Amino acid sequence: MLTKKMLEDAARCKVMECIRCTMKHDNGQDGCLAEVAQTALAYRAMMERLEYVTAGSLITCPVCGLSPALGHMKNCELAALLKEV
């Protein structure tokens, strides 16, 4: 799992020299891409588990506040993040 600093360096890839990057890999950028993708998938899995949470006696989306029966608001950032297509 990558740290926030490593992800920030990866986001600046091709802007900064690999020598100064915290993502040091023997196989260069190919290793970076795979590690960033693995971290992104881990974060996504975590967000899927948090899509609806229990707040008191209600189960709601922590971002838009709607229940699973209603789905998400059209502008819900969590729904957009978890969108499959």
N, C-alpha and C. Protein backbone atom coordinates (compact mmCIF):
# COMPACT_ATOMS: atom_id res chain seq x y z
N MET A 1 0.85 -1.17 0.00
CA MET A 1 0.00 0.00 0.00
C MET A 1 0.90 1.23 0.00
N LEU A 2 0.58 2.16 -0.85
CA LEU A 2 1.38 3.36 -0.98
C LEU A 2 0.96 4.42 0.04
N THR A 3 1.90 5.24 0.42
CA THR A 3 1.62 6.36 1.32
C THR A 3 1.06 7.53 0.51
N LYS A 4 0.53 8.52 1.20
CA LYS A 4 0.02 9.72 0.54
C LYS A 4 1.13 10.38 -0.28
N LYS A 5 2.32 10.49 0.28
CA LYS A 5 3.45 11.11 -0.42
C LYS A 5 3.78 10.35 -1.70
N MET A 6 3.78 9.02 -1.63
CA MET A 6 4.07 8.21 -2.82
C MET A 6 3.01 8.42 -3.90
N LEU A 7 1.75 8.49 -3.50
CA LEU A 7 0.69 8.74 -4.46
C LEU A 7 0.81 10.13 -5.08
N GLU A 8 1.19 11.11 -4.27
CA GLU A 8 1.39 12.47 -4.80
C GLU A 8 2.54 12.47 -5.81
N ASP A 9 3.63 11.77 -5.50
CA ASP A 9 4.74 11.68 -6.44
C ASP A 9 4.31 10.98 -7.73
N ALA A 10 3.54 9.92 -7.60
CA ALA A 10 3.06 9.21 -8.78
C ALA A 10 2.16 10.10 -9.63
N ALA A 11 1.37 10.95 -8.98
CA ALA A 11 0.50 11.88 -9.71
C ALA A 11 1.30 12.90 -10.50
N ARG A 12 2.50 13.21 -10.03
CA ARG A 12 3.38 14.16 -10.72
C ARG A 12 4.33 13.46 -11.69
N CYS A 13 4.14 12.17 -11.88
CA CYS A 13 5.02 11.39 -12.73
C CYS A 13 5.23 12.09 -14.08
N LYS A 14 6.40 12.03 -14.59
CA LYS A 14 6.85 12.66 -15.84
C LYS A 14 7.07 14.16 -15.67
N VAL A 15 6.73 14.68 -14.49
CA VAL A 15 6.99 16.09 -14.20
C VAL A 15 8.26 16.17 -13.37
N MET A 16 8.44 15.18 -12.49
CA MET A 16 9.64 15.16 -11.64
C MET A 16 10.54 14.01 -12.08
N GLU A 17 11.80 14.11 -11.75
CA GLU A 17 12.74 13.06 -12.09
C GLU A 17 12.56 11.88 -11.16
N CYS A 18 12.71 10.66 -11.69
CA CYS A 18 12.57 9.46 -10.87
C CYS A 18 13.57 9.43 -9.72
N ILE A 19 14.68 10.11 -9.87
CA ILE A 19 15.71 10.12 -8.83
C ILE A 19 15.17 10.73 -7.54
N ARG A 20 14.29 11.74 -7.65
CA ARG A 20 13.73 12.42 -6.48
C ARG A 20 12.41 11.81 -6.02
N CYS A 21 11.93 10.81 -6.72
CA CYS A 21 10.62 10.22 -6.44
C CYS A 21 10.70 9.23 -5.28
N THR A 22 9.68 9.19 -4.46
CA THR A 22 9.62 8.24 -3.35
C THR A 22 9.17 6.86 -3.80
N MET A 23 8.84 6.71 -5.07
CA MET A 23 8.32 5.46 -5.61
C MET A 23 9.42 4.55 -6.16
N LYS A 24 10.64 4.69 -5.75
CA LYS A 24 11.80 3.97 -6.29
C LYS A 24 11.46 2.52 -6.68
N HIS A 25 11.69 2.19 -7.95
CA HIS A 25 11.44 0.84 -8.47
C HIS A 25 12.57 0.45 -9.40
N ASP A 26 12.96 -0.81 -9.35
CA ASP A 26 13.98 -1.31 -10.26
C ASP A 26 13.47 -1.33 -11.70
N ASN A 27 12.18 -1.55 -11.86
CA ASN A 27 11.61 -1.61 -13.21
C ASN A 27 10.92 -0.31 -13.62
N GLY A 28 11.29 0.79 -13.02
CA GLY A 28 10.84 2.12 -13.44
C GLY A 28 9.34 2.34 -13.34
N GLN A 29 8.81 3.08 -14.30
CA GLN A 29 7.41 3.50 -14.26
C GLN A 29 6.43 2.34 -14.32
N ASP A 30 6.81 1.22 -14.93
CA ASP A 30 5.91 0.08 -14.99
C ASP A 30 5.56 -0.40 -13.58
N GLY A 31 6.55 -0.44 -12.69
CA GLY A 31 6.31 -0.82 -11.30
C GLY A 31 5.45 0.19 -10.59
N CYS A 32 5.64 1.46 -10.89
CA CYS A 32 4.83 2.52 -10.28
C CYS A 32 3.36 2.35 -10.64
N LEU A 33 3.09 2.13 -11.89
CA LEU A 33 1.70 2.00 -12.35
C LEU A 33 1.00 0.85 -11.64
N ALA A 34 1.66 -0.28 -11.55
CA ALA A 34 1.05 -1.45 -10.90
C ALA A 34 0.78 -1.16 -9.43
N GLU A 35 1.71 -0.53 -8.75
CA GLU A 35 1.53 -0.24 -7.33
C GLU A 35 0.44 0.80 -7.09
N VAL A 36 0.37 1.81 -7.95
CA VAL A 36 -0.68 2.82 -7.83
C VAL A 36 -2.04 2.16 -8.07
N ALA A 37 -2.13 1.30 -9.06
CA ALA A 37 -3.40 0.62 -9.35
C ALA A 37 -3.82 -0.28 -8.18
N GLN A 38 -2.88 -0.99 -7.58
CA GLN A 38 -3.20 -1.85 -6.44
C GLN A 38 -3.70 -1.01 -5.26
N THR A 39 -3.07 0.12 -5.02
CA THR A 39 -3.50 1.00 -3.93
C THR A 39 -4.88 1.57 -4.23
N ALA A 40 -5.12 1.98 -5.46
CA ALA A 40 -6.43 2.53 -5.84
C ALA A 40 -7.52 1.47 -5.65
N LEU A 41 -7.25 0.23 -6.03
CA LEU A 41 -8.24 -0.83 -5.85
C LEU A 41 -8.50 -1.11 -4.38
N ALA A 42 -7.46 -1.02 -3.55
CA ALA A 42 -7.65 -1.22 -2.10
C ALA A 42 -8.51 -0.10 -1.52
N TYR A 43 -8.25 1.14 -1.94
CA TYR A 43 -9.08 2.27 -1.48
C TYR A 43 -10.52 2.10 -1.96
N ARG A 44 -10.70 1.66 -3.19
CA ARG A 44 -12.04 1.46 -3.72
C ARG A 44 -12.80 0.41 -2.91
N ALA A 45 -12.13 -0.69 -2.59
CA ALA A 45 -12.77 -1.75 -1.80
C ALA A 45 -13.19 -1.20 -0.43
N MET A 46 -12.35 -0.35 0.15
CA MET A 46 -12.68 0.25 1.43
C MET A 46 -13.89 1.18 1.29
N MET A 47 -13.92 1.96 0.23
CA MET A 47 -15.04 2.88 0.02
C MET A 47 -16.34 2.11 -0.21
N GLU A 48 -16.26 0.96 -0.89
CA GLU A 48 -17.45 0.14 -1.10
C GLU A 48 -18.02 -0.33 0.24
N ARG A 49 -17.14 -0.67 1.19
CA ARG A 49 -17.60 -1.10 2.51
C ARG A 49 -18.23 0.06 3.28
N LEU A 50 -17.84 1.29 2.96
CA LEU A 50 -18.35 2.47 3.65
C LEU A 50 -19.48 3.16 2.90
N GLU A 51 -19.95 2.56 1.79
CA GLU A 51 -20.97 3.21 0.96
C GLU A 51 -22.22 3.56 1.77
N TYR A 52 -22.65 2.65 2.62
CA TYR A 52 -23.78 2.92 3.51
C TYR A 52 -23.36 2.56 4.93
N VAL A 53 -23.59 3.47 5.85
CA VAL A 53 -23.19 3.25 7.25
C VAL A 53 -24.41 3.42 8.16
N THR A 54 -24.31 2.84 9.32
CA THR A 54 -25.39 2.97 10.30
C THR A 54 -25.17 4.22 11.13
N ALA A 55 -26.16 5.08 11.12
CA ALA A 55 -26.13 6.31 11.92
C ALA A 55 -27.35 6.28 12.83
N GLY A 56 -27.14 5.87 14.07
CA GLY A 56 -28.27 5.68 14.99
C GLY A 56 -29.04 4.45 14.53
N SER A 57 -30.29 4.63 14.19
CA SER A 57 -31.10 3.52 13.70
C SER A 57 -31.25 3.53 12.17
N LEU A 58 -30.62 4.50 11.52
CA LEU A 58 -30.73 4.63 10.06
C LEU A 58 -29.48 4.12 9.36
N ILE A 59 -29.66 3.58 8.17
CA ILE A 59 -28.54 3.21 7.32
C ILE A 59 -28.55 4.20 6.16
N THR A 60 -27.46 4.97 6.03
CA THR A 60 -27.42 6.03 5.01
C THR A 60 -26.04 6.13 4.37
N CYS A 61 -26.00 6.80 3.25
CA CYS A 61 -24.73 7.15 2.61
C CYS A 61 -24.10 8.27 3.45
N PRO A 62 -22.82 8.14 3.81
CA PRO A 62 -22.20 9.18 4.63
C PRO A 62 -21.97 10.49 3.88
N VAL A 63 -22.12 10.48 2.56
CA VAL A 63 -21.89 11.70 1.78
C VAL A 63 -23.20 12.42 1.46
N CYS A 64 -24.16 11.71 0.85
CA CYS A 64 -25.41 12.38 0.46
C CYS A 64 -26.55 12.17 1.45
N GLY A 65 -26.41 11.20 2.36
CA GLY A 65 -27.40 11.01 3.41
C GLY A 65 -28.61 10.17 3.04
N LEU A 66 -28.68 9.65 1.82
CA LEU A 66 -29.85 8.85 1.43
C LEU A 66 -29.67 7.39 1.82
N SER A 67 -30.80 6.68 1.92
CA SER A 67 -30.79 5.27 2.29
C SER A 67 -30.52 4.40 1.07
N PRO A 68 -30.14 3.13 1.27
CA PRO A 68 -29.93 2.22 0.13
C PRO A 68 -31.19 2.08 -0.73
N ALA A 69 -32.37 2.13 -0.11
CA ALA A 69 -33.62 2.00 -0.86
C ALA A 69 -33.81 3.16 -1.85
N LEU A 70 -33.31 4.33 -1.48
CA LEU A 70 -33.44 5.51 -2.35
C LEU A 70 -32.26 5.67 -3.30
N GLY A 71 -31.17 4.97 -3.01
CA GLY A 71 -29.96 5.14 -3.82
C GLY A 71 -29.24 6.41 -3.39
N HIS A 72 -28.46 6.94 -4.28
CA HIS A 72 -27.69 8.16 -3.99
C HIS A 72 -28.29 9.35 -4.73
N MET A 73 -28.00 10.54 -4.22
CA MET A 73 -28.36 11.76 -4.95
C MET A 73 -27.56 11.79 -6.25
N LYS A 74 -28.06 12.48 -7.26
CA LYS A 74 -27.36 12.54 -8.55
C LYS A 74 -25.96 13.13 -8.43
N ASN A 75 -25.76 14.04 -7.50
CA ASN A 75 -24.47 14.71 -7.35
C ASN A 75 -23.61 14.12 -6.23
N CYS A 76 -23.93 12.92 -5.77
CA CYS A 76 -23.17 12.30 -4.67
C CYS A 76 -21.78 11.91 -5.15
N GLU A 77 -20.77 12.46 -4.50
CA GLU A 77 -19.38 12.18 -4.88
C GLU A 77 -19.00 10.73 -4.63
N LEU A 78 -19.52 10.13 -3.59
CA LEU A 78 -19.23 8.72 -3.31
C LEU A 78 -19.81 7.83 -4.38
N ALA A 79 -21.03 8.09 -4.79
CA ALA A 79 -21.65 7.31 -5.86
C ALA A 79 -20.84 7.45 -7.16
N ALA A 80 -20.39 8.64 -7.45
CA ALA A 80 -19.58 8.87 -8.66
C ALA A 80 -18.27 8.08 -8.58
N LEU A 81 -17.67 8.05 -7.40
CA LEU A 81 -16.42 7.33 -7.21
C LEU A 81 -16.61 5.83 -7.38
N LEU A 82 -17.74 5.31 -6.92
CA LEU A 82 -18.00 3.87 -6.98
C LEU A 82 -18.69 3.42 -8.25
N LYS A 83 -19.01 4.36 -9.12
CA LYS A 83 -19.70 4.04 -10.37
C LYS A 83 -18.89 3.00 -11.14
N GLU A 84 -19.56 2.00 -11.69
CA GLU A 84 -18.91 0.90 -12.39
C GLU A 84 -18.53 1.24 -13.84
N VAL A 85 -19.27 2.12 -14.46
CA VAL A 85 -19.02 2.42 -15.88
C VAL A 85 -18.61 3.85 -16.04
